[in-house]
All heavy atoms as atom14 arrays in JSON, in Angstrom:
{
  "sequence": "DDFRFGKTNRTTSEQLLPGGKGINVSIVLSNL",
  "atom14_mask": [
    [1, 1, 1, 1, 1, 1, 1, 1, 0, 0, 0, 0, 0, 0],
    [1, 1, 1, 1, 1, 1, 1, 1, 0, 0, 0, 0, 0, 0],
    [1, 1, 1, 1, 1, 1, 1, 1, 1, 1, 1, 0, 0, 0],
    [1, 1, 1, 1, 1, 1, 1, 1, 1, 1, 1, 0, 0, 0],
    [1, 1, 1, 1, 1, 1, 1, 1, 1, 1, 1, 0, 0, 0],
    [1, 1, 1, 1, 0, 0, 0, 0, 0, 0, 0, 0, 0, 0],
    [1, 1, 1, 1, 1, 1, 1, 1, 1, 0, 0, 0, 0, 0],
    [1, 1, 1, 1, 1, 1, 1, 0, 0, 0, 0, 0, 0, 0],
    [1, 1, 1, 1, 1, 1, 1, 1, 0, 0, 0, 0, 0, 0],
    [1, 1, 1, 1, 1, 1, 1, 1, 1, 1, 1, 0, 0, 0],
    [1, 1, 1, 1, 1, 1, 1, 0, 0, 0, 0, 0, 0, 0],
    [1, 1, 1, 1, 1, 1, 1, 0, 0, 0, 0, 0, 0, 0],
    [1, 1, 1, 1, 1, 1, 0, 0, 0, 0, 0, 0, 0, 0],
    [1, 1, 1, 1, 1, 1, 1, 1, 1, 0, 0, 0, 0, 0],
    [1, 1, 1, 1, 1, 1, 1, 1, 1, 0, 0, 0, 0, 0],
    [1, 1, 1, 1, 1, 1, 1, 1, 0, 0, 0, 0, 0, 0],
    [1, 1, 1, 1, 1, 1, 1, 1, 0, 0, 0, 0, 0, 0],
    [1, 1, 1, 1, 1, 1, 1, 0, 0, 0, 0, 0, 0, 0],
    [1, 1, 1, 1, 0, 0, 0, 0, 0, 0, 0, 0, 0, 0],
    [1, 1, 1, 1, 0, 0, 0, 0, 0, 0, 0, 0, 0, 0],
    [1, 1, 1, 1, 1, 1, 1, 1, 1, 0, 0, 0, 0, 0],
    [1, 1, 1, 1, 0, 0, 0, 0, 0, 0, 0, 0, 0, 0],
    [1, 1, 1, 1, 1, 1, 1, 1, 0, 0, 0, 0, 0, 0],
    [1, 1, 1, 1, 1, 1, 1, 1, 0, 0, 0, 0, 0, 0],
    [1, 1, 1, 1, 1, 1, 1, 0, 0, 0, 0, 0, 0, 0],
    [1, 1, 1, 1, 1, 1, 0, 0, 0, 0, 0, 0, 0, 0],
    [1, 1, 1, 1, 1, 1, 1, 1, 0, 0, 0, 0, 0, 0],
    [1, 1, 1, 1, 1, 1, 1, 0, 0, 0, 0, 0, 0, 0],
    [1, 1, 1, 1, 1, 1, 1, 1, 0, 0, 0, 0, 0, 0],
    [1, 1, 1, 1, 1, 1, 0, 0, 0, 0, 0, 0, 0, 0],
    [1, 1, 1, 1, 1, 1, 1, 1, 0, 0, 0, 0, 0, 0],
    [1, 1, 1, 1, 1, 1, 1, 1, 0, 0, 0, 0, 0, 0]
  ],
  "atom14_positions": [
    [[0.85, -1.2, 0.0], [0.0, 0.0, 0.0], [0.88, 1.25, 0.0], [1.87, 1.32, 0.73], [-0.91, 0.01, 1.23], [-1.91, -1.13, 1.2], [-2.17, -1.67, 0.11], [-2.42, -1.5, 2.29], [0.0, 0.0, 0.0], [0.0, 0.0, 0.0], [0.0, 0.0, 0.0], [0.0, 0.0, 0.0], [0.0, 0.0, 0.0], [0.0, 0.0, 0.0]],
    [[0.53, 2.19, -0.86], [1.25, 3.47, -0.92], [2.75, 3.26, -1.15], [3.6, 3.73, -0.39], [1.01, 4.26, 0.37], [1.51, 5.71, 0.26], [1.57, 6.22, -0.87], [1.86, 6.3, 1.3], [0.0, 0.0, 0.0], [0.0, 0.0, 0.0], [0.0, 0.0, 0.0], [0.0, 0.0, 0.0], [0.0, 0.0, 0.0], [0.0, 0.0, 0.0]],
    [[3.08, 2.53, -2.21], [4.47, 2.25, -2.54], [5.24, 3.55, -2.78], [4.79, 4.45, -3.49], [4.55, 1.37, -3.78], [5.96, 1.03, -4.19], [6.62, -0.04, -3.61], [6.61, 1.77, -5.16], [7.92, -0.36, -3.98], [7.91, 1.46, -5.53], [8.57, 0.39, -4.94], [0.0, 0.0, 0.0], [0.0, 0.0, 0.0], [0.0, 0.0, 0.0]],
    [[6.44, 3.65, -2.19], [7.26, 4.86, -2.32], [8.68, 4.48, -2.71], [9.3, 3.64, -2.06], [7.27, 5.64, -1.0], [5.92, 6.21, -0.58], [5.99, 6.78, 0.83], [6.26, 5.72, 1.81], [6.61, 5.95, 3.08], [6.74, 7.2, 3.5], [6.84, 4.94, 3.9], [0.0, 0.0, 0.0], [0.0, 0.0, 0.0], [0.0, 0.0, 0.0]],
    [[9.19, 5.1, -3.78], [10.55, 4.86, -4.21], [11.53, 5.46, -3.19], [11.29, 6.52, -2.63], [10.79, 5.5, -5.58], [10.11, 4.77, -6.71], [8.9, 5.24, -7.21], [10.68, 3.63, -7.25], [8.27, 4.58, -8.24], [10.04, 2.96, -8.28], [8.84, 3.43, -8.79], [0.0, 0.0, 0.0], [0.0, 0.0, 0.0], [0.0, 0.0, 0.0]],
    [[12.63, 4.75, -2.96], [13.67, 5.25, -2.07], [13.34, 5.12, -0.59], [14.06, 5.65, 0.24], [0.0, 0.0, 0.0], [0.0, 0.0, 0.0], [0.0, 0.0, 0.0], [0.0, 0.0, 0.0], [0.0, 0.0, 0.0], [0.0, 0.0, 0.0], [0.0, 0.0, 0.0], [0.0, 0.0, 0.0], [0.0, 0.0, 0.0], [0.0, 0.0, 0.0]],
    [[12.24, 4.43, -0.27], [11.81, 4.26, 1.12], [11.68, 2.78, 1.43], [11.62, 1.93, 0.54], [10.48, 4.96, 1.37], [10.45, 6.44, 1.04], [11.29, 7.25, 2.02], [11.18, 8.74, 1.72], [12.0, 9.54, 2.66], [0.0, 0.0, 0.0], [0.0, 0.0, 0.0], [0.0, 0.0, 0.0], [0.0, 0.0, 0.0], [0.0, 0.0, 0.0]],
    [[11.6, 2.45, 2.71], [11.3, 1.08, 3.12], [9.8, 0.85, 2.98], [9.0, 1.57, 3.58], [11.74, 0.83, 4.58], [13.15, 0.99, 4.67], [11.36, -0.59, 5.01], [0.0, 0.0, 0.0], [0.0, 0.0, 0.0], [0.0, 0.0, 0.0], [0.0, 0.0, 0.0], [0.0, 0.0, 0.0], [0.0, 0.0, 0.0], [0.0, 0.0, 0.0]],
    [[9.43, -0.11, 2.18], [8.02, -0.45, 1.97], [7.72, -1.81, 2.57], [8.54, -2.73, 2.49], [7.69, -0.46, 0.48], [7.84, 0.89, -0.17], [6.95, 1.72, -0.14], [9.01, 1.13, -0.79], [0.0, 0.0, 0.0], [0.0, 0.0, 0.0], [0.0, 0.0, 0.0], [0.0, 0.0, 0.0], [0.0, 0.0, 0.0], [0.0, 0.0, 0.0]],
    [[6.55, -1.95, 3.16], [6.17, -3.22, 3.79], [4.95, -3.81, 3.07], [4.03, -3.09, 2.69], [5.87, -3.02, 5.28], [7.07, -2.44, 6.01], [6.92, -2.5, 7.52], [8.06, -1.86, 8.18], [9.24, -2.44, 8.36], [9.44, -3.67, 7.93], [10.21, -1.78, 8.96], [0.0, 0.0, 0.0], [0.0, 0.0, 0.0], [0.0, 0.0, 0.0]],
    [[4.99, -5.12, 2.91], [3.91, -5.8, 2.18], [2.67, -5.91, 3.05], [2.75, -6.02, 4.28], [4.34, -7.2, 1.73], [4.62, -8.0, 2.89], [5.58, -7.12, 0.86], [0.0, 0.0, 0.0], [0.0, 0.0, 0.0], [0.0, 0.0, 0.0], [0.0, 0.0, 0.0], [0.0, 0.0, 0.0], [0.0, 0.0, 0.0], [0.0, 0.0, 0.0]],
    [[1.52, -5.89, 2.39], [0.25, -6.15, 3.08], [-0.35, -7.49, 2.65], [-1.3, -7.96, 3.27], [-0.76, -5.02, 2.8], [-0.9, -4.85, 1.38], [-0.28, -3.71, 3.4], [0.0, 0.0, 0.0], [0.0, 0.0, 0.0], [0.0, 0.0, 0.0], [0.0, 0.0, 0.0], [0.0, 0.0, 0.0], [0.0, 0.0, 0.0], [0.0, 0.0, 0.0]],
    [[0.18, -8.08, 1.58], [-0.19, -9.45, 1.2], [0.96, -10.06, 0.43], [1.74, -9.35, -0.22], [-1.46, -9.48, 0.36], [-1.22, -8.97, -0.94], [0.0, 0.0, 0.0], [0.0, 0.0, 0.0], [0.0, 0.0, 0.0], [0.0, 0.0, 0.0], [0.0, 0.0, 0.0], [0.0, 0.0, 0.0], [0.0, 0.0, 0.0], [0.0, 0.0, 0.0]],
    [[1.1, -11.38, 0.52], [2.19, -12.08, -0.14], [1.71, -13.43, -0.65], [0.89, -14.09, -0.01], [3.36, -12.32, 0.83], [3.98, -11.07, 1.41], [5.11, -11.41, 2.37], [5.31, -12.61, 2.66], [5.8, -10.49, 2.84], [0.0, 0.0, 0.0], [0.0, 0.0, 0.0], [0.0, 0.0, 0.0], [0.0, 0.0, 0.0], [0.0, 0.0, 0.0]],
    [[2.23, -13.83, -1.82], [2.01, -15.17, -2.34], [3.31, -15.68, -2.97], [4.06, -14.91, -3.56], [0.92, -15.18, -3.43], [-0.5, -15.04, -2.93], [-1.47, -15.05, -4.1], [-1.44, -14.17, -4.95], [-2.34, -16.05, -4.15], [0.0, 0.0, 0.0], [0.0, 0.0, 0.0], [0.0, 0.0, 0.0], [0.0, 0.0, 0.0], [0.0, 0.0, 0.0]],
    [[3.56, -16.97, -2.83], [4.66, -17.62, -3.53], [4.05, -18.71, -4.4], [3.46, -19.67, -3.89], [5.65, -18.23, -2.54], [6.76, -17.32, -2.01], [7.56, -18.04, -0.94], [7.69, -16.88, -3.14], [0.0, 0.0, 0.0], [0.0, 0.0, 0.0], [0.0, 0.0, 0.0], [0.0, 0.0, 0.0], [0.0, 0.0, 0.0], [0.0, 0.0, 0.0]],
    [[4.2, -18.57, -5.72], [3.53, -19.49, -6.64], [4.5, -19.88, -7.76], [5.35, -19.1, -8.15], [2.31, -18.81, -7.27], [1.22, -18.34, -6.29], [0.21, -17.47, -7.01], [0.53, -19.54, -5.65], [0.0, 0.0, 0.0], [0.0, 0.0, 0.0], [0.0, 0.0, 0.0], [0.0, 0.0, 0.0], [0.0, 0.0, 0.0], [0.0, 0.0, 0.0]],
    [[4.35, -21.1, -8.28], [5.18, -21.48, -9.42], [4.77, -20.7, -10.65], [3.58, -20.42, -10.86], [4.89, -22.98, -9.58], [3.5, -23.15, -9.02], [3.4, -22.16, -7.9], [0.0, 0.0, 0.0], [0.0, 0.0, 0.0], [0.0, 0.0, 0.0], [0.0, 0.0, 0.0], [0.0, 0.0, 0.0], [0.0, 0.0, 0.0], [0.0, 0.0, 0.0]],
    [[5.73, -20.31, -11.48], [5.43, -19.52, -12.66], [6.18, -20.0, -13.88], [7.01, -20.92, -13.82], [0.0, 0.0, 0.0], [0.0, 0.0, 0.0], [0.0, 0.0, 0.0], [0.0, 0.0, 0.0], [0.0, 0.0, 0.0], [0.0, 0.0, 0.0], [0.0, 0.0, 0.0], [0.0, 0.0, 0.0], [0.0, 0.0, 0.0], [0.0, 0.0, 0.0]],
    [[5.91, -19.34, -14.99], [6.42, -19.76, -16.28], [5.24, -20.16, -17.15], [4.29, -20.79, -16.66], [0.0, 0.0, 0.0], [0.0, 0.0, 0.0], [0.0, 0.0, 0.0], [0.0, 0.0, 0.0], [0.0, 0.0, 0.0], [0.0, 0.0, 0.0], [0.0, 0.0, 0.0], [0.0, 0.0, 0.0], [0.0, 0.0, 0.0], [0.0, 0.0, 0.0]],
    [[5.28, -19.78, -18.43], [4.1, -19.94, -19.27], [3.65, -21.39, -19.41], [2.47, -21.7, -19.32], [4.36, -19.32, -20.65], [4.54, -17.8, -20.61], [4.82, -17.2, -21.97], [3.59, -17.13, -22.85], [2.56, -16.22, -22.33], [0.0, 0.0, 0.0], [0.0, 0.0, 0.0], [0.0, 0.0, 0.0], [0.0, 0.0, 0.0], [0.0, 0.0, 0.0]],
    [[4.59, -22.3, -19.61], [4.22, -23.7, -19.74], [3.6, -24.25, -18.46], [2.62, -25.0, -18.5], [0.0, 0.0, 0.0], [0.0, 0.0, 0.0], [0.0, 0.0, 0.0], [0.0, 0.0, 0.0], [0.0, 0.0, 0.0], [0.0, 0.0, 0.0], [0.0, 0.0, 0.0], [0.0, 0.0, 0.0], [0.0, 0.0, 0.0], [0.0, 0.0, 0.0]],
    [[4.19, -23.88, -17.33], [3.64, -24.34, -16.05], [2.25, -23.76, -15.83], [1.35, -24.45, -15.33], [4.61, -23.98, -14.91], [5.85, -24.88, -14.98], [3.93, -24.1, -13.54], [6.95, -24.53, -14.02], [0.0, 0.0, 0.0], [0.0, 0.0, 0.0], [0.0, 0.0, 0.0], [0.0, 0.0, 0.0], [0.0, 0.0, 0.0], [0.0, 0.0, 0.0]],
    [[2.03, -22.49, -16.2], [0.69, -21.91, -16.09], [-0.33, -22.7, -16.92], [-1.45, -22.96, -16.48], [0.69, -20.45, -16.56], [1.41, -19.53, -15.61], [1.65, -19.86, -14.45], [1.78, -18.35, -16.09], [0.0, 0.0, 0.0], [0.0, 0.0, 0.0], [0.0, 0.0, 0.0], [0.0, 0.0, 0.0], [0.0, 0.0, 0.0], [0.0, 0.0, 0.0]],
    [[0.08, -23.08, -18.14], [-0.82, -23.89, -18.98], [-1.13, -25.21, -18.28], [-2.28, -25.66, -18.25], [-0.18, -24.13, -20.36], [-1.02, -25.12, -21.17], [-0.05, -22.82, -21.14], [0.0, 0.0, 0.0], [0.0, 0.0, 0.0], [0.0, 0.0, 0.0], [0.0, 0.0, 0.0], [0.0, 0.0, 0.0], [0.0, 0.0, 0.0], [0.0, 0.0, 0.0]],
    [[-0.12, -25.84, -17.71], [-0.33, -27.11, -17.0], [-1.31, -26.97, -15.85], [-2.17, -27.82, -15.63], [1.01, -27.65, -16.47], [1.68, -28.4, -17.44], [0.0, 0.0, 0.0], [0.0, 0.0, 0.0], [0.0, 0.0, 0.0], [0.0, 0.0, 0.0], [0.0, 0.0, 0.0], [0.0, 0.0, 0.0], [0.0, 0.0, 0.0], [0.0, 0.0, 0.0]],
    [[-1.18, -25.88, -15.09], [-2.06, -25.67, -13.94], [-3.51, -25.53, -14.38], [-4.42, -26.16, -13.81], [-1.61, -24.44, -13.13], [-0.27, -24.72, -12.45], [-2.66, -24.04, -12.09], [0.38, -23.5, -11.83], [0.0, 0.0, 0.0], [0.0, 0.0, 0.0], [0.0, 0.0, 0.0], [0.0, 0.0, 0.0], [0.0, 0.0, 0.0], [0.0, 0.0, 0.0]],
    [[-3.77, -24.73, -15.42], [-5.15, -24.53, -15.87], [-5.7, -25.82, -16.5], [-6.86, -26.18, -16.3], [-5.25, -23.34, -16.83], [-6.67, -23.18, -17.37], [-4.82, -22.05, -16.12], [0.0, 0.0, 0.0], [0.0, 0.0, 0.0], [0.0, 0.0, 0.0], [0.0, 0.0, 0.0], [0.0, 0.0, 0.0], [0.0, 0.0, 0.0], [0.0, 0.0, 0.0]],
    [[-4.87, -26.53, -17.26], [-5.31, -27.82, -17.81], [-5.7, -28.77, -16.68], [-6.73, -29.46, -16.74], [-4.19, -28.45, -18.65], [-3.95, -27.87, -20.04], [-2.71, -28.51, -20.65], [-5.16, -28.1, -20.94], [0.0, 0.0, 0.0], [0.0, 0.0, 0.0], [0.0, 0.0, 0.0], [0.0, 0.0, 0.0], [0.0, 0.0, 0.0], [0.0, 0.0, 0.0]],
    [[-4.87, -28.81, -15.64], [-5.17, -29.67, -14.5], [-6.47, -29.25, -13.82], [-7.29, -30.09, -13.44], [-4.01, -29.63, -13.51], [-4.24, -30.48, -12.42], [0.0, 0.0, 0.0], [0.0, 0.0, 0.0], [0.0, 0.0, 0.0], [0.0, 0.0, 0.0], [0.0, 0.0, 0.0], [0.0, 0.0, 0.0], [0.0, 0.0, 0.0], [0.0, 0.0, 0.0]],
    [[-6.67, -27.92, -13.69], [-7.92, -27.43, -13.1], [-9.14, -27.87, -13.92], [-10.23, -28.08, -13.37], [-7.91, -25.9, -13.0], [-6.95, -25.39, -11.95], [-6.43, -26.16, -11.14], [-6.68, -24.09, -11.94], [0.0, 0.0, 0.0], [0.0, 0.0, 0.0], [0.0, 0.0, 0.0], [0.0, 0.0, 0.0], [0.0, 0.0, 0.0], [0.0, 0.0, 0.0]],
    [[-8.95, -28.0, -15.22], [-10.05, -28.41, -16.11], [-10.14, -29.93, -16.25], [-10.96, -30.43, -17.04], [-9.85, -27.77, -17.5], [-10.17, -26.29, -17.57], [-9.65, -25.69, -18.88], [-11.67, -26.04, -17.42], [0.0, 0.0, 0.0], [0.0, 0.0, 0.0], [0.0, 0.0, 0.0], [0.0, 0.0, 0.0], [0.0, 0.0, 0.0], [0.0, 0.0, 0.0]]
  ]
}
């Protein structure tokens, strides 16, 4: 929230997820 350049910014939400276009395709295919 209220990101500022040159300052210490703190997260209000975080996610760690696998990425990459092929992997994204695999995830949606699996969901289907």
